[in-house]
Amino acid sequence: MSKKNKHLSLSKTPATLQTSSETTPTAWSHKPSNLTIAWLLISIPLVIWDTIYVLFRPLTMPGGSLQYPLYIPYEIYLQTDYIYGWKALEQNNGFTAAQATMNIVETALYCWYLYIVLDRKYVGGKAGTLAVLVGFSAALMTLSKTVLYGLNEAFSGWSNVGHNEWGHLVLYYIIPNGSWLVASALMSMAFGSEILQGLSLAGGEVLLE
């Protein structure tokens, strides 16, 4: 390779190593999705609300000191899904609290992702790589946990939700849980696709050297 060609090749290096956010993308960069940001800003407070309810039972249940007014809406859901109600609590069923504990880790990862990407149009370099990795990990956790939640109910013979009429079940169980299932699946695919793009680009650069 001539000196001139070497100079041209080296001059491209800073763009691929750039770590600050810019108004235009680098050789590889993460562009935060407005839909993802909107979903997280809505879902994170709801997950925190739910986690507190579960971990502080029975104080957050009817008659408890923490129930009014924050957890009045749960009076409907704990009658819809017994895993959230008195049945599971009295049977010392640990699944509900276990998944709520995982919510803490999951929410922390989502907050970390938002901390990296908020107010940035593009995030390149190590910051972009970290954002995508954290986002993918959190989304995959949400997806796996939601699927496990449904499978646990299915393999339990629908013992916690089988008493509901179909209309009630769809409105208060399938739609809420289905929303988290669809959102986490879409985010997992989006973040996973970006990881593959980054790895492909890195592999291509290595082969060209």
Protein backbone atom coordinates (compact mmCIF):
# COMPACT_ATOMS: atom_id res chain seq x y z
CA MET A 1 0.00 0.00 0.00
CA SER A 2 1.36 3.46 -0.90
CA LYS A 3 1.98 6.15 1.73
CA LYS A 4 -0.92 8.11 0.28
CA ASN A 5 -3.30 5.14 0.63
CA LYS A 6 -2.08 4.47 4.18
CA HIS A 7 -2.82 8.07 5.10
CA LEU A 8 -6.34 7.83 3.67
CA SER A 9 -7.02 4.57 5.54
CA LEU A 10 -5.80 5.90 8.89
CA SER A 11 -7.80 9.09 8.53
CA LYS A 12 -11.03 7.06 8.84
CA THR A 13 -10.08 5.50 12.19
CA PRO A 14 -11.28 8.28 14.55
CA ALA A 15 -14.85 8.01 13.21
CA THR A 16 -15.10 4.36 14.25
CA LEU A 17 -13.58 5.01 17.69
CA GLN A 18 -15.60 8.12 18.48
CA THR A 19 -17.42 7.85 21.82
CA SER A 20 -19.35 11.10 22.04
CA SER A 21 -22.87 11.58 20.74
CA GLU A 22 -23.27 13.58 17.54
CA THR A 23 -26.07 14.92 15.40
CA THR A 24 -24.91 12.58 12.63
CA PRO A 25 -24.00 8.89 13.02
CA THR A 26 -20.44 7.51 13.11
CA ALA A 27 -19.41 4.32 11.27
CA TRP A 28 -21.60 2.46 13.78
CA SER A 29 -23.96 4.14 16.20
CA HIS A 30 -27.13 3.46 18.13
CA LYS A 31 -30.14 5.61 17.36
CA PRO A 32 -32.61 5.43 20.27
CA SER A 33 -36.13 4.63 19.12
CA ASN A 34 -38.78 7.14 20.13
CA LEU A 35 -41.23 4.28 20.65
CA THR A 36 -38.78 2.47 22.93
CA ILE A 37 -38.18 5.61 24.98
CA ALA A 38 -41.92 6.28 25.25
CA TRP A 39 -42.63 2.69 26.30
CA LEU A 40 -39.93 2.76 28.97
CA LEU A 41 -41.08 6.09 30.39
CA ILE A 42 -44.57 4.63 30.76
CA SER A 43 -43.71 1.07 31.81
CA ILE A 44 -40.95 1.74 34.35
CA PRO A 45 -43.22 3.59 36.84
CA LEU A 46 -45.85 0.85 36.43
CA VAL A 47 -43.30 -1.88 37.11
CA ILE A 48 -42.03 -0.05 40.20
CA TRP A 49 -45.64 0.32 41.39
CA ASP A 50 -46.24 -3.40 40.82
CA THR A 51 -43.00 -4.45 42.52
CA ILE A 52 -43.78 -2.46 45.65
CA TYR A 53 -47.26 -4.02 45.77
CA VAL A 54 -45.88 -7.56 45.64
CA LEU A 55 -42.95 -7.15 48.01
CA PHE A 56 -44.98 -5.30 50.64
CA ARG A 57 -47.95 -7.68 50.74
CA PRO A 58 -50.16 -7.92 52.80
CA LEU A 59 -49.71 -4.24 53.70
CA THR A 60 -50.62 -3.25 50.12
CA MET A 61 -53.67 -5.55 50.00
CA PRO A 62 -57.24 -4.73 51.12
CA GLY A 63 -57.19 -3.84 54.80
CA GLY A 64 -53.46 -3.14 54.78
CA SER A 65 -51.95 0.14 55.93
CA LEU A 66 -50.42 0.85 52.50
CA GLN A 67 -53.41 -0.12 50.38
CA TYR A 68 -55.21 3.22 50.23
CA PRO A 69 -55.14 5.06 47.88
CA LEU A 70 -52.21 3.83 45.81
CA TYR A 71 -53.24 0.19 45.50
CA ILE A 72 -57.02 0.45 45.28
CA PRO A 73 -56.86 -0.61 41.56
CA TYR A 74 -55.27 -3.91 42.62
CA GLU A 75 -58.53 -4.98 44.25
CA ILE A 76 -59.72 -5.94 40.77
CA TYR A 77 -56.50 -7.63 39.66
CA LEU A 78 -55.97 -9.76 42.75
CA GLN A 79 -59.45 -11.20 42.16
CA THR A 80 -58.53 -11.81 38.52
CA ASP A 81 -55.14 -13.44 39.12
CA TYR A 82 -54.88 -15.33 42.40
CA ILE A 83 -51.08 -15.35 42.15
CA TYR A 84 -51.36 -11.70 43.23
CA GLY A 85 -54.05 -12.33 45.83
CA TRP A 86 -54.61 -13.95 49.19
CA LYS A 87 -54.46 -17.51 47.83
CA ALA A 88 -50.80 -17.30 46.81
CA LEU A 89 -49.86 -15.38 49.94
CA GLU A 90 -51.51 -17.86 52.30
CA GLN A 91 -49.95 -20.80 50.44
CA ASN A 92 -46.54 -19.13 50.72
CA ASN A 93 -46.17 -19.26 46.93
CA GLY A 94 -42.83 -17.60 46.26
CA PHE A 95 -43.19 -17.18 42.49
CA THR A 96 -44.82 -13.75 42.71
CA ALA A 97 -42.14 -12.29 44.96
CA ALA A 98 -39.38 -13.95 42.93
CA GLN A 99 -40.50 -12.32 39.68
CA ALA A 100 -40.95 -9.00 41.49
CA THR A 101 -37.37 -9.21 42.73
CA MET A 102 -36.22 -9.74 39.14
CA ASN A 103 -38.17 -6.60 38.28
CA ILE A 104 -35.67 -4.62 40.36
CA VAL A 105 -32.72 -5.79 38.24
CA GLU A 106 -34.67 -5.34 35.03
CA THR A 107 -35.77 -1.81 35.94
CA ALA A 108 -32.24 -0.83 36.95
CA LEU A 109 -31.00 -1.91 33.51
CA TYR A 110 -33.71 0.09 31.74
CA CYS A 111 -32.85 3.18 33.82
CA TRP A 112 -29.18 2.70 32.93
CA TYR A 113 -30.12 2.54 29.24
CA LEU A 114 -32.18 5.73 29.51
CA TYR A 115 -29.32 7.47 31.32
CA ILE A 116 -27.02 6.71 28.37
CA VAL A 117 -29.34 7.63 25.51
CA LEU A 118 -31.67 10.40 26.71
CA ASP A 119 -31.22 13.71 24.88
CA ARG A 120 -28.96 12.07 22.29
CA LYS A 121 -29.92 11.57 18.68
CA TYR A 122 -27.09 9.12 18.07
CA VAL A 123 -24.82 7.30 20.52
CA GLY A 124 -21.59 5.97 19.06
CA GLY A 125 -18.46 4.19 20.24
CA LYS A 126 -18.33 2.50 23.64
CA ALA A 127 -21.37 4.41 24.91
CA GLY A 128 -23.47 3.16 22.00
CA THR A 129 -22.24 -0.40 22.42
CA LEU A 130 -23.02 -0.32 26.14
CA ALA A 131 -26.49 1.14 25.52
CA VAL A 132 -27.42 -1.61 23.06
CA LEU A 133 -26.02 -4.37 25.28
CA VAL A 134 -27.85 -3.09 28.36
CA GLY A 135 -31.08 -2.55 26.42
CA PHE A 136 -30.93 -6.04 24.90
CA SER A 137 -30.23 -7.66 28.27
CA ALA A 138 -33.14 -5.87 29.93
CA ALA A 139 -35.58 -6.56 27.09
CA LEU A 140 -34.63 -10.24 27.02
CA MET A 141 -35.16 -10.42 30.78
CA THR A 142 -38.62 -8.91 30.40
CA LEU A 143 -39.50 -11.27 27.56
CA SER A 144 -38.25 -14.38 29.38
CA LYS A 145 -39.97 -13.41 32.63
CA THR A 146 -43.28 -12.71 30.90
CA VAL A 147 -43.17 -16.01 29.01
CA LEU A 148 -42.29 -17.83 32.24
CA TYR A 149 -45.21 -16.12 33.97
CA GLY A 150 -47.61 -17.45 31.36
CA LEU A 151 -46.06 -20.92 31.25
CA ASN A 152 -46.19 -21.20 35.03
CA GLU A 153 -49.93 -20.54 34.88
CA ALA A 154 -50.46 -22.95 31.97
CA PHE A 155 -48.58 -25.80 33.65
CA SER A 156 -50.48 -25.12 36.87
CA GLY A 157 -53.74 -25.95 35.12
CA TRP A 158 -54.81 -22.29 34.99
CA SER A 159 -55.44 -22.54 38.72
CA ASN A 160 -55.03 -18.80 39.29
CA VAL A 161 -56.97 -17.35 36.36
CA GLY A 162 -59.23 -20.16 35.15
CA HIS A 163 -62.18 -18.90 37.20
CA ASN A 164 -62.58 -15.75 35.07
CA GLU A 165 -65.10 -15.13 32.31
CA TRP A 166 -63.40 -14.66 28.93
CA GLY A 167 -64.23 -10.97 28.63
CA HIS A 168 -62.84 -10.22 32.07
CA LEU A 169 -59.76 -12.37 31.43
CA VAL A 170 -58.96 -10.61 28.16
CA LEU A 171 -59.37 -7.13 29.62
CA TYR A 172 -57.54 -7.57 32.90
CA TYR A 173 -55.05 -10.38 32.22
CA ILE A 174 -54.31 -11.06 28.56
CA ILE A 175 -54.08 -7.45 27.35
CA PRO A 176 -51.85 -6.16 30.19
CA ASN A 177 -49.48 -9.13 30.11
CA GLY A 178 -49.63 -9.32 26.33
CA SER A 179 -48.48 -5.70 26.09
CA TRP A 180 -45.28 -6.50 27.97
CA LEU A 181 -44.77 -9.63 25.89
CA VAL A 182 -45.07 -7.84 22.55
CA ALA A 183 -43.05 -4.78 23.61
CA SER A 184 -40.18 -6.82 25.05
CA ALA A 185 -40.11 -9.12 22.00
CA LEU A 186 -39.89 -6.16 19.61
CA MET A 187 -37.17 -4.50 21.68
CA SER A 188 -35.18 -7.74 21.90
CA MET A 189 -35.28 -8.12 18.12
CA ALA A 190 -34.35 -4.48 17.53
CA PHE A 191 -31.43 -4.47 19.97
CA GLY A 192 -30.31 -7.91 18.78
CA SER A 193 -30.30 -6.71 15.19
CA GLU A 194 -28.08 -3.77 16.14
CA ILE A 195 -25.67 -6.08 17.95
CA LEU A 196 -25.40 -8.24 14.83
CA GLN A 197 -24.83 -5.15 12.68
CA GLY A 198 -22.05 -3.97 14.96
CA LEU A 199 -20.38 -7.39 15.02
CA SER A 200 -20.66 -7.70 11.25
CA LEU A 201 -19.11 -4.28 10.77
CA ALA A 202 -16.28 -5.09 13.17
CA GLY A 203 -15.67 -8.40 11.43
CA GLY A 204 -15.61 -6.70 8.05
CA GLU A 205 -13.08 -4.13 9.27
CA VAL A 206 -10.81 -6.88 10.58
CA LEU A 207 -10.96 -8.76 7.29
CA LEU A 208 -10.03 -5.62 5.36
CA GLU A 209 -6.94 -4.92 7.42
